[in-house]
Amino acid sequence: MPQTLIVTGASAGIGRATAERFLDAGWNVALLARRREALEEMQEQWPNALALPTDVTDEPAVARAFAATVESFGRIDVLFNNAGRFGPSGLIDEITLEAWQETLSVNLTGMFLCARAAFRQMRTQSPQGGRIINNGSISAHAPRPGSVAYTSTKHAITGLTKTLALDGRPFEIACGQIDIGNAVTEMTAAMASGVRQADGSLQAEDRMDVGHVADTVFHMASLPLGANVLFTTIMASKMPLVGRG
């Protein structure tokens, strides 16, 4: 019987590349994102795809999407908790409370709601257990200039990951985190022309094929539940992380 994956932020970028990697491998994949047309296009291409337009910050919508996944596929084996946004750029005294809260709503509350729904299902299904993979960021290790909202959320995701990895032990629920740096997606297009560095200069940064991210998530998801990649970093080799700042 095929295993089942839920991907949030599945309509583009890392989420879409990862969903397609699993679909090609024969997994059942529930596709969660706000862009209905993109999800339905994917559903038409793969019979094992389920399009579930969902705003991850909407608690009832998340509950409905997870229930629909179980109704269609019988269980949830893996959640790739991926949906996120960069949020506002600027010094902390230039960031409005509204912009701060919008970033936290997607990057942290949205991940909490999806992880909670997955954990609840994995704890009660038979056979018990499953795996949650959170998309962190290299900003969970080192910030970019002017990224207070985004970086704060990604540090918080590390705490979410560690807690779920601990609390999931009695229920065969594993949790890990992938921290990604400069994959080629729409969100990182500006990096090819120049992004602000710690010294104030603008410099182009190397990027890597997003398929390498998808392959890494697939490896994490394919492990038996007795093994877990708690944290892994995949990045363009020459991007400024080591030595950033």
Protein backbone atom coordinates (compact mmCIF):
# COMPACT_ATOMS: atom_id res chain seq x y z
CA MET A 1 0.00 0.00 0.00
CA PRO A 2 1.46 3.42 -0.93
CA GLN A 3 2.49 5.72 1.87
CA THR A 4 0.85 9.11 2.26
CA LEU A 5 2.52 12.51 2.43
CA ILE A 6 0.99 15.92 3.14
CA VAL A 7 2.89 18.90 1.70
CA THR A 8 2.03 22.46 2.67
CA GLY A 9 2.99 25.27 0.33
CA ALA A 10 2.70 22.68 -2.43
CA SER A 11 1.79 24.98 -5.32
CA ALA A 12 5.30 26.29 -6.09
CA GLY A 13 8.97 26.24 -5.21
CA ILE A 14 10.30 23.75 -2.68
CA GLY A 15 6.84 22.44 -1.85
CA ARG A 16 5.96 21.67 -5.45
CA ALA A 17 9.34 20.11 -6.24
CA THR A 18 9.06 17.88 -3.17
CA ALA A 19 5.48 16.88 -3.93
CA GLU A 20 6.45 15.91 -7.48
CA ARG A 21 9.42 13.88 -6.20
CA PHE A 22 7.13 11.81 -3.98
CA LEU A 23 4.39 11.51 -6.60
CA ASP A 24 6.90 10.16 -9.11
CA ALA A 25 7.96 7.60 -6.49
CA GLY A 26 4.38 6.35 -6.14
CA TRP A 27 3.41 7.98 -2.85
CA ASN A 28 -0.05 9.36 -2.24
CA VAL A 29 0.38 13.12 -1.82
CA ALA A 30 -2.08 15.64 -0.40
CA LEU A 31 -1.31 19.09 -1.78
CA LEU A 32 -2.06 22.03 0.51
CA ALA A 33 -1.67 25.64 -0.59
CA ARG A 34 -3.80 28.68 -1.29
CA ARG A 35 -3.46 28.61 -5.11
CA ARG A 36 -6.24 26.32 -6.26
CA GLU A 37 -5.39 26.33 -9.97
CA ALA A 38 -1.81 25.17 -9.45
CA LEU A 39 -2.93 22.33 -7.16
CA GLU A 40 -5.65 21.18 -9.54
CA GLU A 41 -3.15 21.20 -12.40
CA MET A 42 -0.95 18.82 -10.41
CA GLN A 43 -3.92 16.63 -9.53
CA GLU A 44 -4.69 16.25 -13.23
CA GLN A 45 -1.14 15.04 -13.91
CA TRP A 46 -0.93 12.46 -11.12
CA PRO A 47 -3.76 10.11 -10.08
CA ASN A 48 -2.16 9.79 -6.63
CA ALA A 49 -2.36 13.56 -5.95
CA LEU A 50 -5.11 15.21 -3.94
CA ALA A 51 -5.62 18.97 -4.33
CA LEU A 52 -6.72 20.62 -1.08
CA PRO A 53 -6.71 24.42 -1.34
CA THR A 54 -5.95 25.52 2.22
CA ASP A 55 -4.76 28.56 4.13
CA VAL A 56 -2.54 27.09 6.83
CA THR A 57 -3.36 29.95 9.20
CA ASP A 58 -7.05 28.96 9.15
CA GLU A 59 -7.61 26.40 11.93
CA PRO A 60 -10.88 24.89 10.59
CA ALA A 61 -9.46 24.75 7.04
CA VAL A 62 -6.40 22.84 8.26
CA ALA A 63 -8.62 20.38 10.15
CA ARG A 64 -10.76 19.82 7.04
CA ALA A 65 -7.71 19.22 4.84
CA PHE A 66 -6.21 16.63 7.17
CA ALA A 67 -9.57 14.89 7.53
CA ALA A 68 -9.96 14.82 3.73
CA THR A 69 -6.49 13.29 3.39
CA VAL A 70 -7.34 10.48 5.81
CA GLU A 71 -10.70 9.92 4.12
CA SER A 72 -9.00 9.59 0.71
CA PHE A 73 -5.83 7.70 1.63
CA GLY A 74 -6.59 6.05 4.98
CA ARG A 75 -3.71 7.48 7.03
CA ILE A 76 -0.92 10.08 7.14
CA ASP A 77 2.65 8.80 7.16
CA VAL A 78 4.60 12.04 6.67
CA LEU A 79 3.93 15.77 6.90
CA PHE A 80 6.32 18.12 5.11
CA ASN A 81 5.55 21.31 7.03
CA ASN A 82 6.80 23.70 4.38
CA ALA A 83 4.55 26.73 3.89
CA GLY A 84 6.21 30.04 4.73
CA ARG A 85 6.98 33.58 3.69
CA PHE A 86 9.96 35.94 3.93
CA GLY A 87 8.04 38.71 5.63
CA PRO A 88 9.10 42.36 5.93
CA SER A 89 12.68 43.56 5.51
CA GLY A 90 14.09 46.34 7.68
CA LEU A 91 15.39 47.28 11.09
CA ILE A 92 13.18 46.30 14.00
CA ASP A 93 11.94 49.85 14.54
CA GLU A 94 10.80 49.94 10.91
CA ILE A 95 8.64 46.80 11.19
CA THR A 96 4.96 47.30 11.92
CA LEU A 97 3.15 45.07 14.37
CA GLU A 98 0.82 44.01 11.56
CA ALA A 99 3.70 42.85 9.35
CA TRP A 100 5.30 41.04 12.30
CA GLN A 101 2.06 39.25 13.14
CA GLU A 102 1.41 38.28 9.51
CA THR A 103 4.83 36.63 9.32
CA LEU A 104 4.34 34.77 12.59
CA SER A 105 0.87 33.69 11.50
CA VAL A 106 2.17 31.82 8.44
CA ASN A 107 5.65 30.75 9.50
CA LEU A 108 4.93 29.72 13.06
CA THR A 109 1.21 29.43 13.78
CA GLY A 110 0.57 27.75 10.42
CA MET A 111 3.29 25.20 11.13
CA PHE A 112 1.90 24.64 14.63
CA LEU A 113 -1.62 24.01 13.30
CA CYS A 114 -0.40 21.52 10.68
CA ALA A 115 1.97 19.75 13.07
CA ARG A 116 -0.81 19.49 15.63
CA ALA A 117 -3.21 17.98 13.11
CA ALA A 118 -0.57 15.52 11.92
CA PHE A 119 0.47 14.55 15.45
CA ARG A 120 -3.15 13.94 16.46
CA GLN A 121 -3.75 11.66 13.46
CA MET A 122 -0.45 9.81 13.78
CA ARG A 123 -1.01 9.17 17.50
CA THR A 124 -4.43 7.60 16.94
CA GLN A 125 -4.06 5.76 13.63
CA SER A 126 -3.22 2.07 13.33
CA PRO A 127 -0.38 1.23 12.92
CA GLN A 128 0.51 4.13 15.15
CA GLY A 129 3.14 6.68 14.21
CA GLY A 130 4.49 8.83 11.41
CA ARG A 131 7.01 11.55 10.66
CA ILE A 132 6.89 15.36 10.66
CA ILE A 133 9.53 17.24 8.67
CA ASN A 134 9.67 20.97 9.34
CA ASN A 135 11.16 23.38 6.84
CA GLY A 136 13.47 25.60 8.84
CA SER A 137 16.03 27.75 7.07
CA ILE A 138 19.67 28.63 7.38
CA SER A 139 18.18 31.66 9.15
CA ALA A 140 17.57 29.24 12.01
CA HIS A 141 21.37 29.41 12.43
CA ALA A 142 22.42 32.86 11.18
CA PRO A 143 20.25 35.84 10.19
CA ARG A 144 20.39 38.01 7.13
CA PRO A 145 20.43 41.76 7.71
CA GLY A 146 16.97 43.21 8.31
CA SER A 147 15.19 39.88 8.77
CA VAL A 148 13.97 40.09 12.36
CA ALA A 149 10.50 38.66 11.75
CA TYR A 150 11.55 35.81 9.43
CA THR A 151 14.61 34.85 11.48
CA SER A 152 12.64 34.85 14.74
CA THR A 153 10.11 32.42 13.29
CA LYS A 154 12.78 30.08 11.99
CA HIS A 155 14.52 29.95 15.37
CA ALA A 156 11.11 29.14 16.85
CA ILE A 157 10.66 26.26 14.39
CA THR A 158 13.82 24.69 15.80
CA GLY A 159 12.11 24.64 19.21
CA LEU A 160 9.00 23.14 17.67
CA THR A 161 11.08 20.42 16.02
CA LYS A 162 12.94 19.48 19.20
CA THR A 163 9.76 19.37 21.28
CA LEU A 164 7.86 17.23 18.78
CA ALA A 165 10.82 14.85 18.47
CA LEU A 166 10.73 14.42 22.25
CA ASP A 167 6.95 14.30 22.75
CA GLY A 168 6.47 11.96 19.81
CA ARG A 169 8.67 9.17 21.18
CA PRO A 170 5.91 7.23 23.01
CA PHE A 171 3.76 7.25 19.86
CA GLU A 172 6.33 6.32 17.18
CA ILE A 173 6.24 9.88 15.82
CA ALA A 174 9.59 11.16 14.57
CA CYS A 175 10.26 14.82 13.83
CA GLY A 176 13.14 16.39 11.94
CA GLN A 177 14.06 19.70 10.36
CA ILE A 178 15.60 20.60 7.03
CA ASP A 179 17.40 23.94 6.88
CA ILE A 180 17.67 25.13 3.29
CA GLY A 181 19.92 27.78 1.80
CA ASN A 182 19.48 29.32 -1.65
CA ALA A 183 17.48 26.79 -3.64
CA VAL A 184 16.35 28.01 -7.07
CA THR A 185 12.70 29.08 -6.61
CA GLU A 186 10.57 32.15 -7.29
CA MET A 187 11.25 33.34 -3.73
CA THR A 188 15.03 33.42 -4.25
CA ALA A 189 15.11 34.96 -7.73
CA ALA A 190 16.59 38.22 -6.43
CA MET A 191 19.66 36.39 -5.12
CA ALA A 192 20.92 35.91 -8.67
CA SER A 193 21.24 39.69 -9.14
CA GLY A 194 22.22 40.79 -5.65
CA VAL A 195 21.11 40.68 -2.01
CA ARG A 196 22.25 42.75 0.94
CA GLN A 197 25.20 41.41 2.91
CA ALA A 198 26.24 42.05 6.50
CA ASP A 199 28.65 44.80 5.41
CA GLY A 200 25.87 46.61 3.57
CA SER A 201 26.99 45.65 0.08
CA LEU A 202 24.83 43.98 -2.56
CA GLN A 203 26.20 40.73 -3.91
CA ALA A 204 24.85 37.96 -6.10
CA GLU A 205 24.76 34.58 -4.35
CA ASP A 206 25.07 31.07 -5.69
CA ARG A 207 21.90 28.99 -5.79
CA MET A 208 21.34 25.24 -6.13
CA ASP A 209 18.78 23.13 -7.98
CA VAL A 210 15.63 22.74 -5.89
CA GLY A 211 15.58 19.06 -6.83
CA HIS A 212 18.40 18.47 -4.34
CA VAL A 213 16.11 19.70 -1.58
CA ALA A 214 13.34 17.38 -2.73
CA ASP A 215 15.75 14.44 -2.75
CA THR A 216 16.85 15.25 0.80
CA VAL A 217 13.27 15.42 2.08
CA PHE A 218 12.59 12.11 0.33
CA HIS A 219 15.56 10.52 2.09
CA MET A 220 14.39 11.80 5.48
CA ALA A 221 10.86 10.54 4.85
CA SER A 222 11.99 7.12 3.63
CA LEU A 223 13.84 6.16 6.80
CA PRO A 224 12.23 3.63 9.15
CA LEU A 225 10.68 5.28 12.21
CA GLY A 226 13.48 3.88 14.32
CA ALA A 227 15.87 6.33 12.63
CA ASN A 228 15.54 10.08 12.34
CA VAL A 229 17.41 12.95 10.72
CA LEU A 230 16.82 15.44 13.52
CA PHE A 231 18.52 18.36 11.70
CA THR A 232 20.10 18.65 8.29
CA THR A 233 21.34 21.62 6.27
CA ILE A 234 21.40 21.68 2.48
CA MET A 235 22.72 24.77 0.76
CA ALA A 236 24.48 26.11 -2.27
CA SER A 237 28.11 25.29 -1.52
CA LYS A 238 29.48 28.80 -2.05
CA MET A 239 26.71 30.84 -0.47
CA PRO A 240 27.61 32.93 2.59
CA LEU A 241 26.54 30.94 5.63
CA VAL A 242 29.83 29.92 7.22
CA GLY A 243 31.39 33.30 7.88
CA ARG A 244 28.14 35.23 7.39
CA GLY A 245 28.41 38.56 9.16
